Amino acid sequence: MSMALLMQILPFVVILGVFYLFLILPEKKRRKKYEGMLDSLKVNDEVLTRGGIIGKIITIKDDYVVVESGPERARLKLSKQGISTVLTEEESK
């Protein structure tokens, strides 16, 4: 391989490396943390859905949860992927 060809390819390799470090790697970390949070869901956890609904988990099945919300205790059946975060005691008040 000639030196000129190597100097033409090198910038592309560097750009791919930067993309991997700053875009792909952090996204993998976030996804792993999110999937860990979904796997650790349990009954009576206070959760925030992607739609902005705050409620308490009543039932957990394989790929969905039943969340109870509001003063009328409305029950919603949601996909686990619809859960955004698990709220701590301080966040839910």
PDB file of N, CA and C in Angstrom:
ATOM      1  N   MET A   1       0.851  -1.169   0.000  1.00  0.00           N
ATOM      2  CA  MET A   1       0.000   0.000   0.000  1.00  0.00           C
ATOM      3  C   MET A   1       0.898   1.233   0.000  1.00  0.00           C
ATOM      4  N   SER A   2       0.573   2.172  -0.837  1.00  0.00           N
ATOM      5  CA  SER A   2       1.425   3.365  -0.917  1.00  0.00           C
ATOM      6  C   SER A   2       1.059   4.341   0.191  1.00  0.00           C
ATOM      7  N   MET A   3       1.973   5.218   0.489  1.00  0.00           N
ATOM      8  CA  MET A   3       1.786   6.209   1.545  1.00  0.00           C
ATOM      9  C   MET A   3       0.665   7.188   1.198  1.00  0.00           C
ATOM     10  N   ALA A   4       0.523   7.520  -0.088  1.00  0.00           N
ATOM     11  CA  ALA A   4      -0.524   8.456  -0.510  1.00  0.00           C
ATOM     12  C   ALA A   4      -1.911   7.862  -0.269  1.00  0.00           C
ATOM     13  N   LEU A   5      -2.062   6.592  -0.556  1.00  0.00           N
ATOM     14  CA  LEU A   5      -3.345   5.938  -0.325  1.00  0.00           C
ATOM     15  C   LEU A   5      -3.659   5.873   1.165  1.00  0.00           C
ATOM     16  N   LEU A   6      -2.664   5.590   1.945  1.00  0.00           N
ATOM     17  CA  LEU A   6      -2.834   5.545   3.402  1.00  0.00           C
ATOM     18  C   LEU A   6      -3.255   6.903   3.947  1.00  0.00           C
ATOM     19  N   MET A   7      -2.687   7.974   3.438  1.00  0.00           N
ATOM     20  CA  MET A   7      -3.018   9.322   3.902  1.00  0.00           C
ATOM     21  C   MET A   7      -4.438   9.724   3.474  1.00  0.00           C
ATOM     22  N   GLN A   8      -4.965   9.129   2.404  1.00  0.00           N
ATOM     23  CA  GLN A   8      -6.334   9.412   1.992  1.00  0.00           C
ATOM     24  C   GLN A   8      -7.336   8.644   2.844  1.00  0.00           C
ATOM     25  N   ILE A   9      -6.983   7.457   3.263  1.00  0.00           N
ATOM     26  CA  ILE A   9      -7.892   6.614   4.049  1.00  0.00           C
ATOM     27  C   ILE A   9      -7.885   6.994   5.528  1.00  0.00           C
ATOM     28  N   LEU A  10      -6.785   7.467   6.033  1.00  0.00           N
ATOM     29  CA  LEU A  10      -6.627   7.774   7.452  1.00  0.00           C
ATOM     30  C   LEU A  10      -7.686   8.730   8.005  1.00  0.00           C
ATOM     31  N   PRO A  11      -8.036   9.830   7.337  1.00  0.00           N
ATOM     32  CA  PRO A  11      -9.077  10.711   7.893  1.00  0.00           C
ATOM     33  C   PRO A  11     -10.430  10.003   8.069  1.00  0.00           C
ATOM     34  N   PHE A  12     -10.791   9.123   7.166  1.00  0.00           N
ATOM     35  CA  PHE A  12     -12.050   8.397   7.294  1.00  0.00           C
ATOM     36  C   PHE A  12     -12.030   7.444   8.485  1.00  0.00           C
ATOM     37  N   VAL A  13     -10.906   6.816   8.707  1.00  0.00           N
ATOM     38  CA  VAL A  13     -10.759   5.919   9.849  1.00  0.00           C
ATOM     39  C   VAL A  13     -10.869   6.715  11.145  1.00  0.00           C
ATOM     40  N   VAL A  14     -10.256   7.875  11.196  1.00  0.00           N
ATOM     41  CA  VAL A  14     -10.316   8.730  12.390  1.00  0.00           C
ATOM     42  C   VAL A  14     -11.748   9.195  12.636  1.00  0.00           C
ATOM     43  N   ILE A  15     -12.453   9.592  11.583  1.00  0.00           N
ATOM     44  CA  ILE A  15     -13.838  10.038  11.729  1.00  0.00           C
ATOM     45  C   ILE A  15     -14.721   8.896  12.231  1.00  0.00           C
ATOM     46  N   LEU A  16     -14.552   7.711  11.700  1.00  0.00           N
ATOM     47  CA  LEU A  16     -15.323   6.561  12.180  1.00  0.00           C
ATOM     48  C   LEU A  16     -15.027   6.277  13.651  1.00  0.00           C
ATOM     49  N   GLY A  17     -13.778   6.399  14.047  1.00  0.00           N
ATOM     50  CA  GLY A  17     -13.411   6.202  15.450  1.00  0.00           C
ATOM     51  C   GLY A  17     -14.063   7.225  16.361  1.00  0.00           C
ATOM     52  N   VAL A  18     -14.100   8.473  15.929  1.00  0.00           N
ATOM     53  CA  VAL A  18     -14.739   9.536  16.720  1.00  0.00           C
ATOM     54  C   VAL A  18     -16.239   9.279  16.831  1.00  0.00           C
ATOM     55  N   PHE A  19     -16.883   8.910  15.727  1.00  0.00           N
ATOM     56  CA  PHE A  19     -18.310   8.587  15.778  1.00  0.00           C
ATOM     57  C   PHE A  19     -18.578   7.455  16.759  1.00  0.00           C
ATOM     58  N   TYR A  20     -17.753   6.445  16.731  1.00  0.00           N
ATOM     59  CA  TYR A  20     -17.948   5.323  17.633  1.00  0.00           C
ATOM     60  C   TYR A  20     -17.830   5.776  19.088  1.00  0.00           C
ATOM     61  N   LEU A  21     -16.801   6.557  19.391  1.00  0.00           N
ATOM     62  CA  LEU A  21     -16.573   6.993  20.775  1.00  0.00           C
ATOM     63  C   LEU A  21     -17.640   7.948  21.293  1.00  0.00           C
ATOM     64  N   PHE A  22     -18.111   8.866  20.452  1.00  0.00           N
ATOM     65  CA  PHE A  22     -19.027   9.896  20.925  1.00  0.00           C
ATOM     66  C   PHE A  22     -20.496   9.630  20.653  1.00  0.00           C
ATOM     67  N   LEU A  23     -20.827   8.727  19.756  1.00  0.00           N
ATOM     68  CA  LEU A  23     -22.229   8.475  19.448  1.00  0.00           C
ATOM     69  C   LEU A  23     -22.666   7.051  19.774  1.00  0.00           C
ATOM     70  N   ILE A  24     -21.962   6.081  19.298  1.00  0.00           N
ATOM     71  CA  ILE A  24     -22.402   4.698  19.424  1.00  0.00           C
ATOM     72  C   ILE A  24     -22.183   4.162  20.830  1.00  0.00           C
ATOM     73  N   LEU A  25     -21.023   4.361  21.398  1.00  0.00           N
ATOM     74  CA  LEU A  25     -20.703   3.837  22.721  1.00  0.00           C
ATOM     75  C   LEU A  25     -21.615   4.393  23.821  1.00  0.00           C
ATOM     76  N   PRO A  26     -21.852   5.724  23.894  1.00  0.00           N
ATOM     77  CA  PRO A  26     -22.771   6.229  24.918  1.00  0.00           C
ATOM     78  C   PRO A  26     -24.202   5.719  24.751  1.00  0.00           C
ATOM     79  N   GLU A  27     -24.647   5.549  23.504  1.00  0.00           N
ATOM     80  CA  GLU A  27     -25.995   5.040  23.280  1.00  0.00           C
ATOM     81  C   GLU A  27     -26.124   3.600  23.755  1.00  0.00           C
ATOM     82  N   LYS A  28     -25.091   2.794  23.555  1.00  0.00           N
ATOM     83  CA  LYS A  28     -25.110   1.420  24.064  1.00  0.00           C
ATOM     84  C   LYS A  28     -25.207   1.412  25.581  1.00  0.00           C
ATOM     85  N   LYS A  29     -24.482   2.322  26.232  1.00  0.00           N
ATOM     86  CA  LYS A  29     -24.531   2.413  27.704  1.00  0.00           C
ATOM     87  C   LYS A  29     -25.927   2.786  28.178  1.00  0.00           C
ATOM     88  N   ARG A  30     -26.538   3.803  27.524  1.00  0.00           N
ATOM     89  CA  ARG A  30     -27.887   4.235  27.912  1.00  0.00           C
ATOM     90  C   ARG A  30     -28.887   3.110  27.734  1.00  0.00           C
ATOM     91  N   ARG A  31     -28.808   2.410  26.617  1.00  0.00           N
ATOM     92  CA  ARG A  31     -29.747   1.319  26.344  1.00  0.00           C
ATOM     93  C   ARG A  31     -29.599   0.196  27.375  1.00  0.00           C
ATOM     94  N   LYS A  32     -28.369  -0.133  27.728  1.00  0.00           N
ATOM     95  CA  LYS A  32     -28.132  -1.187  28.712  1.00  0.00           C
ATOM     96  C   LYS A  32     -28.692  -0.783  30.078  1.00  0.00           C
ATOM     97  N   LYS A  33     -28.508   0.482  30.456  1.00  0.00           N
ATOM     98  CA  LYS A  33     -29.036   0.975  31.729  1.00  0.00           C
ATOM     99  C   LYS A  33     -30.569   0.952  31.725  1.00  0.00           C
ATOM    100  N   TYR A  34     -31.187   1.364  30.602  1.00  0.00           N
ATOM    101  CA  TYR A  34     -32.642   1.374  30.479  1.00  0.00           C
ATOM    102  C   TYR A  34     -33.206  -0.040  30.555  1.00  0.00           C
ATOM    103  N   GLU A  35     -32.587  -0.979  29.848  1.00  0.00           N
ATOM    104  CA  GLU A  35     -33.060  -2.367  29.876  1.00  0.00           C
ATOM    105  C   GLU A  35     -32.888  -2.973  31.261  1.00  0.00           C
ATOM    106  N   GLY A  36     -31.837  -2.584  31.971  1.00  0.00           N
ATOM    107  CA  GLY A  36     -31.661  -3.030  33.351  1.00  0.00           C
ATOM    108  C   GLY A  36     -32.763  -2.503  34.253  1.00  0.00           C
ATOM    109  N   MET A  37     -33.160  -1.235  34.028  1.00  0.00           N
ATOM    110  CA  MET A  37     -34.253  -0.644  34.794  1.00  0.00           C
ATOM    111  C   MET A  37     -35.557  -1.387  34.514  1.00  0.00           C
ATOM    112  N   LEU A  38     -35.813  -1.731  33.251  1.00  0.00           N
ATOM    113  CA  LEU A  38     -37.037  -2.459  32.919  1.00  0.00           C
ATOM    114  C   LEU A  38     -37.038  -3.851  33.545  1.00  0.00           C
ATOM    115  N   ASP A  39     -35.888  -4.505  33.566  1.00  0.00           N
ATOM    116  CA  ASP A  39     -35.805  -5.839  34.159  1.00  0.00           C
ATOM    117  C   ASP A  39     -35.994  -5.804  35.668  1.00  0.00           C
ATOM    118  N   SER A  40     -35.691  -4.672  36.309  1.00  0.00           N
ATOM    119  CA  SER A  40     -35.779  -4.593  37.765  1.00  0.00           C
ATOM    120  C   SER A  40     -37.116  -4.029  38.252  1.00  0.00           C
ATOM    121  N   LEU A  41     -38.075  -3.817  37.346  1.00  0.00           N
ATOM    122  CA  LEU A  41     -39.386  -3.320  37.770  1.00  0.00           C
ATOM    123  C   LEU A  41     -40.046  -4.323  38.705  1.00  0.00           C
ATOM    124  N   LYS A  42     -40.741  -3.779  39.716  1.00  0.00           N
ATOM    125  CA  LYS A  42     -41.468  -4.651  40.639  1.00  0.00           C
ATOM    126  C   LYS A  42     -42.793  -3.998  41.019  1.00  0.00           C
ATOM    127  N   VAL A  43     -43.695  -4.802  41.551  1.00  0.00           N
ATOM    128  CA  VAL A  43     -45.011  -4.320  41.961  1.00  0.00           C
ATOM    129  C   VAL A  43     -44.823  -3.238  43.019  1.00  0.00           C
ATOM    130  N   ASN A  44     -45.686  -2.210  42.971  1.00  0.00           N
ATOM    131  CA  ASN A  44     -45.699  -1.039  43.854  1.00  0.00           C
ATOM    132  C   ASN A  44     -44.630  -0.005  43.540  1.00  0.00           C
ATOM    133  N   ASP A  45     -43.854  -0.183  42.457  1.00  0.00           N
ATOM    134  CA  ASP A  45     -42.930   0.869  42.025  1.00  0.00           C
ATOM    135  C   ASP A  45     -43.741   2.024  41.453  1.00  0.00           C
ATOM    136  N   GLU A  46     -43.336   3.245  41.758  1.00  0.00           N
ATOM    137  CA  GLU A  46     -43.936   4.440  41.188  1.00  0.00           C
ATOM    138  C   GLU A  46     -43.186   4.743  39.890  1.00  0.00           C
ATOM    139  N   VAL A  47     -43.904   4.820  38.769  1.00  0.00           N
ATOM    140  CA  VAL A  47     -43.252   4.987  37.475  1.00  0.00           C
ATOM    141  C   VAL A  47     -43.819   6.184  36.717  1.00  0.00           C
ATOM    142  N   LEU A  48     -43.021   6.693  35.803  1.00  0.00           N
ATOM    143  CA  LEU A  48     -43.430   7.732  34.875  1.00  0.00           C
ATOM    144  C   LEU A  48     -43.421   7.120  33.491  1.00  0.00           C
ATOM    145  N   THR A  49     -44.553   7.220  32.774  1.00  0.00           N
ATOM    146  CA  THR A  49     -44.625   6.657  31.427  1.00  0.00           C
ATOM    147  C   THR A  49     -44.086   7.666  30.419  1.00  0.00           C
ATOM    148  N   ARG A  50     -43.846   7.194  29.219  1.00  0.00           N
ATOM    149  CA  ARG A  50     -43.376   8.091  28.150  1.00  0.00           C
ATOM    150  C   ARG A  50     -44.430   9.132  27.805  1.00  0.00           C
ATOM    151  N   GLY A  51     -45.670   8.861  28.102  1.00  0.00           N
ATOM    152  CA  GLY A  51     -46.755   9.805  27.849  1.00  0.00           C
ATOM    153  C   GLY A  51     -46.960  10.807  28.965  1.00  0.00           C
ATOM    154  N   GLY A  52     -46.184  10.689  30.050  1.00  0.00           N
ATOM    155  CA  GLY A  52     -46.269  11.650  31.144  1.00  0.00           C
ATOM    156  C   GLY A  52     -47.186  11.230  32.277  1.00  0.00           C
ATOM    157  N   ILE A  53     -47.681  10.026  32.271  1.00  0.00           N
ATOM    158  CA  ILE A  53     -48.576   9.544  33.329  1.00  0.00           C
ATOM    159  C   ILE A  53     -47.737   8.966  34.462  1.00  0.00           C
ATOM    160  N   ILE A  54     -48.069   9.376  35.690  1.00  0.00           N
ATOM    161  CA  ILE A  54     -47.397   8.837  36.865  1.00  0.00           C
ATOM    162  C   ILE A  54     -48.357   7.864  37.528  1.00  0.00           C
ATOM    163  N   GLY A  55     -47.870   6.684  37.858  1.00  0.00           N
ATOM    164  CA  GLY A  55     -48.717   5.694  38.492  1.00  0.00           C
ATOM    165  C   GLY A  55     -47.910   4.623  39.190  1.00  0.00           C
ATOM    166  N   LYS A  56     -48.640   3.736  39.845  1.00  0.00           N
ATOM    167  CA  LYS A  56     -48.027   2.642  40.592  1.00  0.00           C
ATOM    168  C   LYS A  56     -48.265   1.337  39.858  1.00  0.00           C
ATOM    169  N   ILE A  57     -47.233   0.515  39.754  1.00  0.00           N
ATOM    170  CA  ILE A  57     -47.354  -0.777  39.074  1.00  0.00           C
ATOM    171  C   ILE A  57     -48.181  -1.728  39.937  1.00  0.00           C
ATOM    172  N   ILE A  58     -49.208  -2.310  39.323  1.00  0.00           N
ATOM    173  CA  ILE A  58     -50.084  -3.257  40.012  1.00  0.00           C
ATOM    174  C   ILE A  58     -49.736  -4.688  39.623  1.00  0.00           C
ATOM    175  N   THR A  59     -49.505  -4.912  38.332  1.00  0.00           N
ATOM    176  CA  THR A  59     -49.218  -6.249  37.819  1.00  0.00           C
ATOM    177  C   THR A  59     -48.087  -6.173  36.806  1.00  0.00           C
ATOM    178  N   ILE A  60     -47.228  -7.192  36.801  1.00  0.00           N
ATOM    179  CA  ILE A  60     -46.159  -7.281  35.808  1.00  0.00           C
ATOM    180  C   ILE A  60     -46.265  -8.632  35.113  1.00  0.00           C
ATOM    181  N   LYS A  61     -46.333  -8.602  33.789  1.00  0.00           N
ATOM    182  CA  LYS A  61     -46.296  -9.815  32.976  1.00  0.00           C
ATOM    183  C   LYS A  61     -45.031  -9.770  32.125  1.00  0.00           C
ATOM    184  N   ASP A  62     -44.901 -10.682  31.186  1.00  0.00           N
ATOM    185  CA  ASP A  62     -43.686 -10.777  30.373  1.00  0.00           C
ATOM    186  C   ASP A  62     -43.293  -9.467  29.715  1.00  0.00           C
ATOM    187  N   ASP A  63     -44.187  -8.906  28.902  1.00  0.00           N
ATOM    188  CA  ASP A  63     -43.825  -7.711  28.144  1.00  0.00           C
ATOM    189  C   ASP A  63     -44.749  -6.520  28.406  1.00  0.00           C
ATOM    190  N   TYR A  64     -45.595  -6.595  29.446  1.00  0.00           N
ATOM    191  CA  TYR A  64     -46.443  -5.465  29.767  1.00  0.00           C
ATOM    192  C   TYR A  64     -46.628  -5.345  31.277  1.00  0.00           C
ATOM    193  N   VAL A  65     -47.098  -4.154  31.680  1.00  0.00           N
ATOM    194  CA  VAL A  65     -47.394  -3.887  33.084  1.00  0.00           C
ATOM    195  C   VAL A  65     -48.768  -3.237  33.168  1.00  0.00           C
ATOM    196  N   VAL A  66     -49.405  -3.363  34.328  1.00  0.00           N
ATOM    197  CA  VAL A  66     -50.645  -2.647  34.595  1.00  0.00           C
ATOM    198  C   VAL A  66     -50.312  -1.583  35.629  1.00  0.00           C
ATOM    199  N   VAL A  67     -50.623  -0.331  35.273  1.00  0.00           N
ATOM    200  CA  VAL A  67     -50.306   0.811  36.115  1.00  0.00           C
ATOM    201  C   VAL A  67     -51.604   1.434  36.606  1.00  0.00           C
ATOM    202  N   GLU A  68     -51.668   1.740  37.900  1.00  0.00           N
ATOM    203  CA  GLU A  68     -52.827   2.387  38.496  1.00  0.00           C
ATOM    204  C   GLU A  68     -52.475   3.853  38.706  1.00  0.00           C
ATOM    205  N   SER A  69     -53.365   4.753  38.269  1.00  0.00           N
ATOM    206  CA  SER A  69     -53.044   6.171  38.321  1.00  0.00           C
ATOM    207  C   SER A  69     -54.278   6.996  38.647  1.00  0.00           C
ATOM    208  N   GLY A  70     -54.045   8.143  39.273  1.00  0.00           N
ATOM    209  CA  GLY A  70     -55.095   9.121  39.518  1.00  0.00           C
ATOM    210  C   GLY A  70     -55.950   8.800  40.722  1.00  0.00           C
ATOM    211  N   PRO A  71     -56.748   9.779  41.142  1.00  0.00           N
ATOM    212  CA  PRO A  71     -57.615   9.585  42.320  1.00  0.00           C
ATOM    213  C   PRO A  71     -58.716   8.541  42.092  1.00  0.00           C
ATOM    214  N   GLU A  72     -59.111   8.340  40.831  1.00  0.00           N
ATOM    215  CA  GLU A  72     -60.131   7.328  40.531  1.00  0.00           C
ATOM    216  C   GLU A  72     -59.523   5.946  40.382  1.00  0.00           C
ATOM    217  N   ARG A  73     -58.212   5.855  40.532  1.00  0.00           N
ATOM    218  CA  ARG A  73     -57.477   4.597  40.427  1.00  0.00           C
ATOM    219  C   ARG A  73     -57.686   3.918  39.077  1.00  0.00           C
ATOM    220  N   ALA A  74     -57.564   4.705  38.023  1.00  0.00           N
ATOM    221  CA  ALA A  74     -57.691   4.161  36.671  1.00  0.00           C
ATOM    222  C   ALA A  74     -56.527   3.211  36.410  1.00  0.00           C
ATOM    223  N   ARG A  75     -56.812   2.086  35.789  1.00  0.00           N
ATOM    224  CA  ARG A  75     -55.776   1.097  35.482  1.00  0.00           C
ATOM    225  C   ARG A  75     -55.487   1.098  33.992  1.00  0.00           C
ATOM    226  N   LEU A  76     -54.200   1.176  33.679  1.00  0.00           N
ATOM    227  CA  LEU A  76     -53.756   1.205  32.291  1.00  0.00           C
ATOM    228  C   LEU A  76     -52.827   0.030  32.041  1.00  0.00           C
ATOM    229  N   LYS A  77     -53.058  -0.678  30.948  1.00  0.00           N
ATOM    230  CA  LYS A  77     -52.170  -1.767  30.548  1.00  0.00           C
ATOM    231  C   LYS A  77     -51.190  -1.200  29.539  1.00  0.00           C
ATOM    232  N   LEU A  78     -49.902  -1.231  29.872  1.00  0.00           N
ATOM    233  CA  LEU A  78     -48.868  -0.626  29.044  1.00  0.00           C
ATOM    234  C   LEU A  78     -47.790  -1.633  28.695  1.00  0.00           C
ATOM    235  N   SER A  79     -47.174  -1.425  27.558  1.00  0.00           N
ATOM    236  CA  SER A  79     -45.973  -2.172  27.218  1.00  0.00           C
ATOM    237  C   SER A  79     -44.866  -1.728  28.172  1.00  0.00           C
ATOM    238  N   LYS A  80     -43.966  -2.626  28.525  1.00  0.00           N
ATOM    239  CA  LYS A  80     -42.847  -2.234  29.383  1.00  0.00           C
ATOM    240  C   LYS A  80     -42.025  -1.122  28.745  1.00  0.00           C
ATOM    241  N   GLN A  81     -41.966  -1.106  27.409  1.00  0.00           N
ATOM    242  CA  GLN A  81     -41.218  -0.070  26.706  1.00  0.00           C
ATOM    243  C   GLN A  81     -41.852   1.307  26.885  1.00  0.00           C
ATOM    244  N   GLY A  82     -43.092   1.359  27.368  1.00  0.00           N
ATOM    245  CA  GLY A  82     -43.774   2.626  27.612  1.00  0.00           C
ATOM    246  C   GLY A  82     -43.372   3.281  28.920  1.00  0.00           C
ATOM    247  N   ILE A  83     -42.622   2.572  29.748  1.00  0.00           N
ATOM    248  CA  ILE A  83     -42.144   3.124  31.017  1.00  0.00           C
ATOM    249  C   ILE A  83     -40.894   3.946  30.741  1.00  0.00           C
ATOM    250  N   SER A  84     -40.913   5.178  31.205  1.00  0.00           N
ATOM    251  CA  SER A  84     -39.754   6.052  31.007  1.00  0.00           C
ATOM    252  C   SER A  84     -38.766   5.932  32.154  1.00  0.00           C
ATOM    253  N   THR A  85     -39.245   6.122  33.367  1.00  0.00           N
ATOM    254  CA  THR A  85     -38.366   6.054  34.539  1.00  0.00           C
ATOM    255  C   THR A  85     -39.117   5.511  35.737  1.00  0.00           C
ATOM    256  N   VAL A  86     -38.370   5.027  36.703  1.00  0.00           N
ATOM    257  CA  VAL A  86     -38.906   4.644  38.002  1.00  0.00           C
ATOM    258  C   VAL A  86     -38.626   5.820  38.923  1.00  0.00           C
ATOM    259  N   LEU A  87     -39.679   6.327  39.568  1.00  0.00           N
ATOM    260  CA  LEU A  87     -39.549   7.489  40.432  1.00  0.00           C
ATOM    261  C   LEU A  87     -39.165   7.070  41.839  1.00  0.00           C
ATOM    262  N   THR A  88     -38.296   7.828  42.447  1.00  0.00           N
ATOM    263  CA  THR A  88     -37.971   7.602  43.846  1.00  0.00           C
ATOM    264  C   THR A  88     -39.002   8.316  44.697  1.00  0.00           C
ATOM    265  N   GLU A  89     -38.962   8.126  45.985  1.00  0.00           N
ATOM    266  CA  GLU A  89     -39.922   8.762  46.891  1.00  0.00           C
ATOM    267  C   GLU A  89     -39.901  10.285  46.759  1.00  0.00           C
ATOM    268  N   GLU A  90     -38.729  10.885  46.635  1.00  0.00           N
ATOM    269  CA  GLU A  90     -38.610  12.338  46.566  1.00  0.00           C
ATOM    270  C   GLU A  90     -39.186  12.877  45.254  1.00  0.00           C
ATOM    271  N   GLU A  91     -38.977  12.160  44.139  1.00  0.00           N
ATOM    272  CA  GLU A  91     -39.434  12.620  42.846  1.00  0.00           C
ATOM    273  C   GLU A  91     -40.943  12.547  42.699  1.00  0.00           C
ATOM    274  N   SER A  92     -41.597  11.598  43.345  1.00  0.00           N
ATOM    275  CA  SER A  92     -43.027  11.406  43.163  1.00  0.00           C
ATOM    276  C   SER A  92     -43.863  12.411  43.964  1.00  0.00           C
ATOM    277  N   LYS A  93     -43.251  13.150  44.886  1.00  0.00           N
ATOM    278  CA  LYS A  93     -44.005  14.117  45.702  1.00  0.00           C
ATOM    279  C   LYS A  93     -43.942  15.505  45.162  1.00  0.00           C
TER     280      LYS A  93
END
